PDB file of N, CA and C in Angstrom:
ATOM      1  N   UNK A   1     -69.777  14.924  11.900  1.00  0.00           N
ATOM      2  CA  UNK A   1     -69.139  14.297  13.049  1.00  0.00           C
ATOM      3  C   UNK A   1     -67.992  13.434  12.553  1.00  0.00           C
ATOM      4  N   UNK A   2     -66.863  13.515  13.182  1.00  0.00           N
ATOM      5  CA  UNK A   2     -65.672  12.801  12.748  1.00  0.00           C
ATOM      6  C   UNK A   2     -65.702  11.319  13.130  1.00  0.00           C
ATOM      7  N   UNK A   3     -66.211  10.984  14.305  1.00  0.00           N
ATOM      8  CA  UNK A   3     -66.322   9.576  14.688  1.00  0.00           C
ATOM      9  C   UNK A   3     -67.691   9.057  14.296  1.00  0.00           C
ATOM     10  N   UNK A   4     -67.696   7.915  13.627  1.00  0.00           N
ATOM     11  CA  UNK A   4     -68.948   7.318  13.182  1.00  0.00           C
ATOM     12  C   UNK A   4     -68.927   5.829  13.494  1.00  0.00           C
ATOM     13  N   UNK A   5     -70.108   5.254  13.576  1.00  0.00           N
ATOM     14  CA  UNK A   5     -70.215   3.818  13.787  1.00  0.00           C
ATOM     15  C   UNK A   5     -69.900   3.101  12.483  1.00  0.00           C
ATOM     16  N   UNK A   6     -69.165   2.000  12.577  1.00  0.00           N
ATOM     17  CA  UNK A   6     -68.789   1.242  11.384  1.00  0.00           C
ATOM     18  C   UNK A   6     -69.963   0.479  10.791  1.00  0.00           C
ATOM     19  N   UNK A   7     -70.924   0.167  11.590  1.00  0.00           N
ATOM     20  CA  UNK A   7     -72.063  -0.599  11.114  1.00  0.00           C
ATOM     21  C   UNK A   7     -73.245  -0.408  12.032  1.00  0.00           C
ATOM     22  N   UNK A   8     -74.212  -1.262  11.887  1.00  0.00           N
ATOM     23  CA  UNK A   8     -75.411  -1.221  12.712  1.00  0.00           C
ATOM     24  C   UNK A   8     -75.107  -1.907  14.048  1.00  0.00           C
ATOM     25  N   UNK A   9     -74.803  -1.109  15.039  1.00  0.00           N
ATOM     26  CA  UNK A   9     -74.397  -1.624  16.351  1.00  0.00           C
ATOM     27  C   UNK A   9     -75.503  -2.481  16.969  1.00  0.00           C
ATOM     28  N   UNK A  10     -76.739  -2.034  16.856  1.00  0.00           N
ATOM     29  CA  UNK A  10     -77.843  -2.792  17.451  1.00  0.00           C
ATOM     30  C   UNK A  10     -78.023  -4.142  16.758  1.00  0.00           C
ATOM     31  N   UNK A  11     -77.773  -4.201  15.455  1.00  0.00           N
ATOM     32  CA  UNK A  11     -77.833  -5.477  14.734  1.00  0.00           C
ATOM     33  C   UNK A  11     -76.690  -6.390  15.185  1.00  0.00           C
ATOM     34  N   UNK A  12     -75.516  -5.814  15.431  1.00  0.00           N
ATOM     35  CA  UNK A  12     -74.382  -6.599  15.933  1.00  0.00           C
ATOM     36  C   UNK A  12     -74.721  -7.215  17.286  1.00  0.00           C
ATOM     37  N   UNK A  13     -75.349  -6.419  18.145  1.00  0.00           N
ATOM     38  CA  UNK A  13     -75.752  -6.931  19.456  1.00  0.00           C
ATOM     39  C   UNK A  13     -76.795  -8.031  19.309  1.00  0.00           C
ATOM     40  N   UNK A  14     -77.736  -7.832  18.403  1.00  0.00           N
ATOM     41  CA  UNK A  14     -78.782  -8.827  18.184  1.00  0.00           C
ATOM     42  C   UNK A  14     -78.196 -10.153  17.720  1.00  0.00           C
ATOM     43  N   UNK A  15     -77.157 -10.086  16.863  1.00  0.00           N
ATOM     44  CA  UNK A  15     -76.468 -11.305  16.414  1.00  0.00           C
ATOM     45  C   UNK A  15     -75.849 -12.058  17.588  1.00  0.00           C
ATOM     46  N   UNK A  16     -75.464 -11.319  18.615  1.00  0.00           N
ATOM     47  CA  UNK A  16     -74.893 -11.924  19.828  1.00  0.00           C
ATOM     48  C   UNK A  16     -75.983 -12.372  20.805  1.00  0.00           C
ATOM     49  N   UNK A  17     -77.250 -12.178  20.406  1.00  0.00           N
ATOM     50  CA  UNK A  17     -78.359 -12.590  21.266  1.00  0.00           C
ATOM     51  C   UNK A  17     -78.775 -11.548  22.287  1.00  0.00           C
ATOM     52  N   UNK A  18     -78.386 -10.289  22.055  1.00  0.00           N
ATOM     53  CA  UNK A  18     -78.703  -9.218  22.995  1.00  0.00           C
ATOM     54  C   UNK A  18     -79.664  -8.248  22.321  1.00  0.00           C
ATOM     55  N   UNK A  19     -80.915  -8.261  22.745  1.00  0.00           N
ATOM     56  CA  UNK A  19     -81.935  -7.382  22.170  1.00  0.00           C
ATOM     57  C   UNK A  19     -81.922  -6.026  22.864  1.00  0.00           C
ATOM     58  N   UNK A  20     -82.584  -5.046  22.247  1.00  0.00           N
ATOM     59  CA  UNK A  20     -82.695  -3.746  22.905  1.00  0.00           C
ATOM     60  C   UNK A  20     -83.520  -3.877  24.184  1.00  0.00           C
ATOM     61  N   UNK A  21     -84.460  -4.813  24.192  1.00  0.00           N
ATOM     62  CA  UNK A  21     -85.235  -5.065  25.417  1.00  0.00           C
ATOM     63  C   UNK A  21     -84.303  -5.514  26.543  1.00  0.00           C
ATOM     64  N   UNK A  22     -83.399  -6.441  26.230  1.00  0.00           N
ATOM     65  CA  UNK A  22     -82.449  -6.932  27.245  1.00  0.00           C
ATOM     66  C   UNK A  22     -81.510  -5.818  27.691  1.00  0.00           C
ATOM     67  N   UNK A  23     -81.100  -4.957  26.755  1.00  0.00           N
ATOM     68  CA  UNK A  23     -80.227  -3.834  27.120  1.00  0.00           C
ATOM     69  C   UNK A  23     -80.896  -2.945  28.154  1.00  0.00           C
ATOM     70  N   UNK A  24     -82.187  -2.682  27.939  1.00  0.00           N
ATOM     71  CA  UNK A  24     -82.943  -1.842  28.889  1.00  0.00           C
ATOM     72  C   UNK A  24     -83.220  -2.586  30.195  1.00  0.00           C
ATOM     73  N   UNK A  25     -83.738  -3.811  30.060  1.00  0.00           N
ATOM     74  CA  UNK A  25     -84.134  -4.600  31.229  1.00  0.00           C
ATOM     75  C   UNK A  25     -82.965  -4.808  32.192  1.00  0.00           C
ATOM     76  N   UNK A  26     -81.815  -5.167  31.643  1.00  0.00           N
ATOM     77  CA  UNK A  26     -80.643  -5.456  32.467  1.00  0.00           C
ATOM     78  C   UNK A  26     -79.797  -4.217  32.749  1.00  0.00           C
ATOM     79  N   UNK A  27     -80.306  -3.067  32.303  1.00  0.00           N
ATOM     80  CA  UNK A  27     -79.635  -1.781  32.512  1.00  0.00           C
ATOM     81  C   UNK A  27     -78.200  -1.781  31.986  1.00  0.00           C
ATOM     82  N   UNK A  28     -78.038  -2.394  30.822  1.00  0.00           N
ATOM     83  CA  UNK A  28     -76.725  -2.430  30.184  1.00  0.00           C
ATOM     84  C   UNK A  28     -76.444  -1.127  29.447  1.00  0.00           C
ATOM     85  N   UNK A  29     -77.486  -0.568  28.847  1.00  0.00           N
ATOM     86  CA  UNK A  29     -77.428   0.753  28.205  1.00  0.00           C
ATOM     87  C   UNK A  29     -78.736   1.472  28.497  1.00  0.00           C
ATOM     88  N   UNK A  30     -78.658   2.772  28.610  1.00  0.00           N
ATOM     89  CA  UNK A  30     -79.871   3.556  28.858  1.00  0.00           C
ATOM     90  C   UNK A  30     -80.666   3.709  27.566  1.00  0.00           C
ATOM     91  N   UNK A  31     -81.915   4.095  27.721  1.00  0.00           N
ATOM     92  CA  UNK A  31     -82.760   4.361  26.556  1.00  0.00           C
ATOM     93  C   UNK A  31     -82.145   5.461  25.696  1.00  0.00           C
ATOM     94  N   UNK A  32     -81.585   6.480  26.346  1.00  0.00           N
ATOM     95  CA  UNK A  32     -80.944   7.576  25.614  1.00  0.00           C
ATOM     96  C   UNK A  32     -79.767   7.106  24.788  1.00  0.00           C
ATOM     97  N   UNK A  33     -78.950   6.218  25.366  1.00  0.00           N
ATOM     98  CA  UNK A  33     -77.796   5.680  24.630  1.00  0.00           C
ATOM     99  C   UNK A  33     -78.260   4.840  23.445  1.00  0.00           C
ATOM    100  N   UNK A  34     -79.293   4.034  23.656  1.00  0.00           N
ATOM    101  CA  UNK A  34     -79.830   3.205  22.574  1.00  0.00           C
ATOM    102  C   UNK A  34     -80.342   4.090  21.442  1.00  0.00           C
ATOM    103  N   UNK A  35     -81.059   5.154  21.781  1.00  0.00           N
ATOM    104  CA  UNK A  35     -81.579   6.064  20.763  1.00  0.00           C
ATOM    105  C   UNK A  35     -80.449   6.799  20.030  1.00  0.00           C
ATOM    106  N   UNK A  36     -79.402   7.162  20.763  1.00  0.00           N
ATOM    107  CA  UNK A  36     -78.253   7.814  20.131  1.00  0.00           C
ATOM    108  C   UNK A  36     -77.572   6.873  19.148  1.00  0.00           C
ATOM    109  N   UNK A  37     -77.392   5.637  19.532  1.00  0.00           N
ATOM    110  CA  UNK A  37     -76.788   4.641  18.637  1.00  0.00           C
ATOM    111  C   UNK A  37     -77.668   4.467  17.406  1.00  0.00           C
ATOM    112  N   UNK A  38     -78.960   4.344  17.632  1.00  0.00           N
ATOM    113  CA  UNK A  38     -79.918   4.141  16.538  1.00  0.00           C
ATOM    114  C   UNK A  38     -79.857   5.288  15.522  1.00  0.00           C
ATOM    115  N   UNK A  39     -79.646   6.517  16.009  1.00  0.00           N
ATOM    116  CA  UNK A  39     -79.631   7.674  15.113  1.00  0.00           C
ATOM    117  C   UNK A  39     -78.219   8.099  14.700  1.00  0.00           C
ATOM    118  N   UNK A  40     -77.209   7.322  15.088  1.00  0.00           N
ATOM    119  CA  UNK A  40     -75.836   7.618  14.679  1.00  0.00           C
ATOM    120  C   UNK A  40     -75.177   8.742  15.442  1.00  0.00           C
ATOM    121  N   UNK A  41     -75.727   9.099  16.580  1.00  0.00           N
ATOM    122  CA  UNK A  41     -75.169  10.172  17.401  1.00  0.00           C
ATOM    123  C   UNK A  41     -74.119   9.602  18.353  1.00  0.00           C
ATOM    124  N   UNK A  42     -73.235  10.465  18.860  1.00  0.00           N
ATOM    125  CA  UNK A  42     -72.188   9.987  19.767  1.00  0.00           C
ATOM    126  C   UNK A  42     -72.739   9.538  21.121  1.00  0.00           C
ATOM    127  N   UNK A  43     -72.005   8.638  21.748  1.00  0.00           N
ATOM    128  CA  UNK A  43     -72.327   8.165  23.096  1.00  0.00           C
ATOM    129  C   UNK A  43     -71.098   8.336  23.970  1.00  0.00           C
ATOM    130  N   UNK A  44     -71.268   8.182  25.255  1.00  0.00           N
ATOM    131  CA  UNK A  44     -70.170   8.385  26.205  1.00  0.00           C
ATOM    132  C   UNK A  44     -69.147   7.255  26.118  1.00  0.00           C
ATOM    133  N   UNK A  45     -67.965   7.532  26.653  1.00  0.00           N
ATOM    134  CA  UNK A  45     -66.921   6.506  26.714  1.00  0.00           C
ATOM    135  C   UNK A  45     -67.389   5.313  27.548  1.00  0.00           C
ATOM    136  N   UNK A  46     -68.152   5.582  28.582  1.00  0.00           N
ATOM    137  CA  UNK A  46     -68.677   4.503  29.423  1.00  0.00           C
ATOM    138  C   UNK A  46     -69.558   3.568  28.594  1.00  0.00           C
ATOM    139  N   UNK A  47     -70.385   4.145  27.725  1.00  0.00           N
ATOM    140  CA  UNK A  47     -71.238   3.324  26.870  1.00  0.00           C
ATOM    141  C   UNK A  47     -70.432   2.590  25.801  1.00  0.00           C
ATOM    142  N   UNK A  48     -69.395   3.240  25.270  1.00  0.00           N
ATOM    143  CA  UNK A  48     -68.513   2.563  24.311  1.00  0.00           C
ATOM    144  C   UNK A  48     -67.839   1.381  24.993  1.00  0.00           C
ATOM    145  N   UNK A  49     -67.402   1.595  26.233  1.00  0.00           N
ATOM    146  CA  UNK A  49     -66.793   0.514  27.012  1.00  0.00           C
ATOM    147  C   UNK A  49     -67.771  -0.655  27.155  1.00  0.00           C
ATOM    148  N   UNK A  50     -69.015  -0.340  27.481  1.00  0.00           N
ATOM    149  CA  UNK A  50     -70.039  -1.373  27.654  1.00  0.00           C
ATOM    150  C   UNK A  50     -70.284  -2.129  26.340  1.00  0.00           C
ATOM    151  N   UNK A  51     -70.358  -1.402  25.225  1.00  0.00           N
ATOM    152  CA  UNK A  51     -70.544  -2.053  23.925  1.00  0.00           C
ATOM    153  C   UNK A  51     -69.390  -2.996  23.605  1.00  0.00           C
ATOM    154  N   UNK A  52     -68.172  -2.533  23.859  1.00  0.00           N
ATOM    155  CA  UNK A  52     -66.995  -3.372  23.595  1.00  0.00           C
ATOM    156  C   UNK A  52     -67.011  -4.624  24.462  1.00  0.00           C
ATOM    157  N   UNK A  53     -67.456  -4.475  25.694  1.00  0.00           N
ATOM    158  CA  UNK A  53     -67.560  -5.628  26.593  1.00  0.00           C
ATOM    159  C   UNK A  53     -68.610  -6.607  26.074  1.00  0.00           C
ATOM    160  N   UNK A  54     -69.762  -6.107  25.663  1.00  0.00           N
ATOM    161  CA  UNK A  54     -70.843  -6.961  25.183  1.00  0.00           C
ATOM    162  C   UNK A  54     -70.482  -7.645  23.859  1.00  0.00           C
ATOM    163  N   UNK A  55     -69.796  -6.904  22.982  1.00  0.00           N
ATOM    164  CA  UNK A  55     -69.456  -7.436  21.667  1.00  0.00           C
ATOM    165  C   UNK A  55     -68.090  -8.120  21.633  1.00  0.00           C
ATOM    166  N   UNK A  56     -67.365  -8.050  22.767  1.00  0.00           N
ATOM    167  CA  UNK A  56     -66.023  -8.620  22.850  1.00  0.00           C
ATOM    168  C   UNK A  56     -65.145  -8.090  21.713  1.00  0.00           C
ATOM    169  N   UNK A  57     -65.037  -6.745  21.673  1.00  0.00           N
ATOM    170  CA  UNK A  57     -64.290  -6.116  20.594  1.00  0.00           C
ATOM    171  C   UNK A  57     -63.526  -4.900  21.127  1.00  0.00           C
ATOM    172  N   UNK A  58     -62.795  -4.266  20.243  1.00  0.00           N
ATOM    173  CA  UNK A  58     -62.077  -3.037  20.538  1.00  0.00           C
ATOM    174  C   UNK A  58     -62.874  -1.859  19.977  1.00  0.00           C
ATOM    175  N   UNK A  59     -62.697  -0.641  20.506  1.00  0.00           N
ATOM    176  CA  UNK A  59     -63.428   0.511  19.978  1.00  0.00           C
ATOM    177  C   UNK A  59     -63.270   0.683  18.460  1.00  0.00           C
ATOM    178  N   UNK A  60     -62.092   0.386  17.949  1.00  0.00           N
ATOM    179  CA  UNK A  60     -61.849   0.499  16.516  1.00  0.00           C
ATOM    180  C   UNK A  60     -62.638  -0.490  15.686  1.00  0.00           C
ATOM    181  N   UNK A  61     -63.188  -1.504  16.329  1.00  0.00           N
ATOM    182  CA  UNK A  61     -64.024  -2.469  15.617  1.00  0.00           C
ATOM    183  C   UNK A  61     -65.433  -1.931  15.366  1.00  0.00           C
ATOM    184  N   UNK A  62     -65.831  -0.937  16.147  1.00  0.00           N
ATOM    185  CA  UNK A  62     -67.194  -0.395  16.003  1.00  0.00           C
ATOM    186  C   UNK A  62     -67.227   1.081  15.617  1.00  0.00           C
ATOM    187  N   UNK A  63     -66.070   1.761  15.718  1.00  0.00           N
ATOM    188  CA  UNK A  63     -66.001   3.188  15.387  1.00  0.00           C
ATOM    189  C   UNK A  63     -64.960   3.431  14.305  1.00  0.00           C
ATOM    190  N   UNK A  64     -65.201   4.439  13.490  1.00  0.00           N
ATOM    191  CA  UNK A  64     -64.252   4.842  12.467  1.00  0.00           C
ATOM    192  C   UNK A  64     -64.142   6.364  12.493  1.00  0.00           C
ATOM    193  N   UNK A  65     -62.939   6.864  12.262  1.00  0.00           N
ATOM    194  CA  UNK A  65     -62.729   8.312  12.187  1.00  0.00           C
ATOM    195  C   UNK A  65     -62.791   8.737  10.729  1.00  0.00           C
ATOM    196  N   UNK A  66     -63.650   9.687  10.452  1.00  0.00           N
ATOM    197  CA  UNK A  66     -63.736  10.276   9.112  1.00  0.00           C
ATOM    198  C   UNK A  66     -63.550  11.772   9.272  1.00  0.00           C
ATOM    199  N   UNK A  67     -62.557  12.273   8.605  1.00  0.00           N
ATOM    200  CA  UNK A  67     -62.240  13.688   8.695  1.00  0.00           C
ATOM    201  C   UNK A  67     -63.388  14.536   8.174  1.00  0.00           C
ATOM    202  N   UNK A  68     -63.761  15.533   8.953  1.00  0.00           N
ATOM    203  CA  UNK A  68     -64.814  16.479   8.540  1.00  0.00           C
ATOM    204  C   UNK A  68     -64.259  17.384   7.452  1.00  0.00           C
ATOM    205  N   UNK A  69     -64.939  17.404   6.331  1.00  0.00           N
ATOM    206  CA  UNK A  69     -64.559  18.317   5.259  1.00  0.00           C
ATOM    207  C   UNK A  69     -65.051  19.718   5.628  1.00  0.00           C
ATOM    208  N   UNK A  70     -64.223  20.701   5.449  1.00  0.00           N
ATOM    209  CA  UNK A  70     -64.620  22.081   5.728  1.00  0.00           C
ATOM    210  C   UNK A  70     -64.322  22.538   7.132  1.00  0.00           C
ATOM    211  N   UNK A  71     -63.909  21.627   8.026  1.00  0.00           N
ATOM    212  CA  UNK A  71     -63.561  22.017   9.397  1.00  0.00           C
ATOM    213  C   UNK A  71     -62.067  21.924   9.626  1.00  0.00           C
ATOM    214  N   UNK A  72     -61.290  22.184   8.583  1.00  0.00           N
ATOM    215  CA  UNK A  72     -59.820  22.063   8.696  1.00  0.00           C
ATOM    216  C   UNK A  72     -59.189  23.289   9.245  1.00  0.00           C
TER     217      UNK A  72
END
């Protein structure tokens, strides 16, 4: 996958005082989105928007593009 998370997104949220329980309880992210983040899988733009809002950051602060070798 070319787009990857720069770090542990859930740990970043926890540092801001936002637990996975709060994400679910307040319907900030779905269980599926949380599991995708946890396993490094892609999420929707809507979820990226929500993460940026919660972390007060830009998409480039949490995502990095790495060129896929062999898919040129």
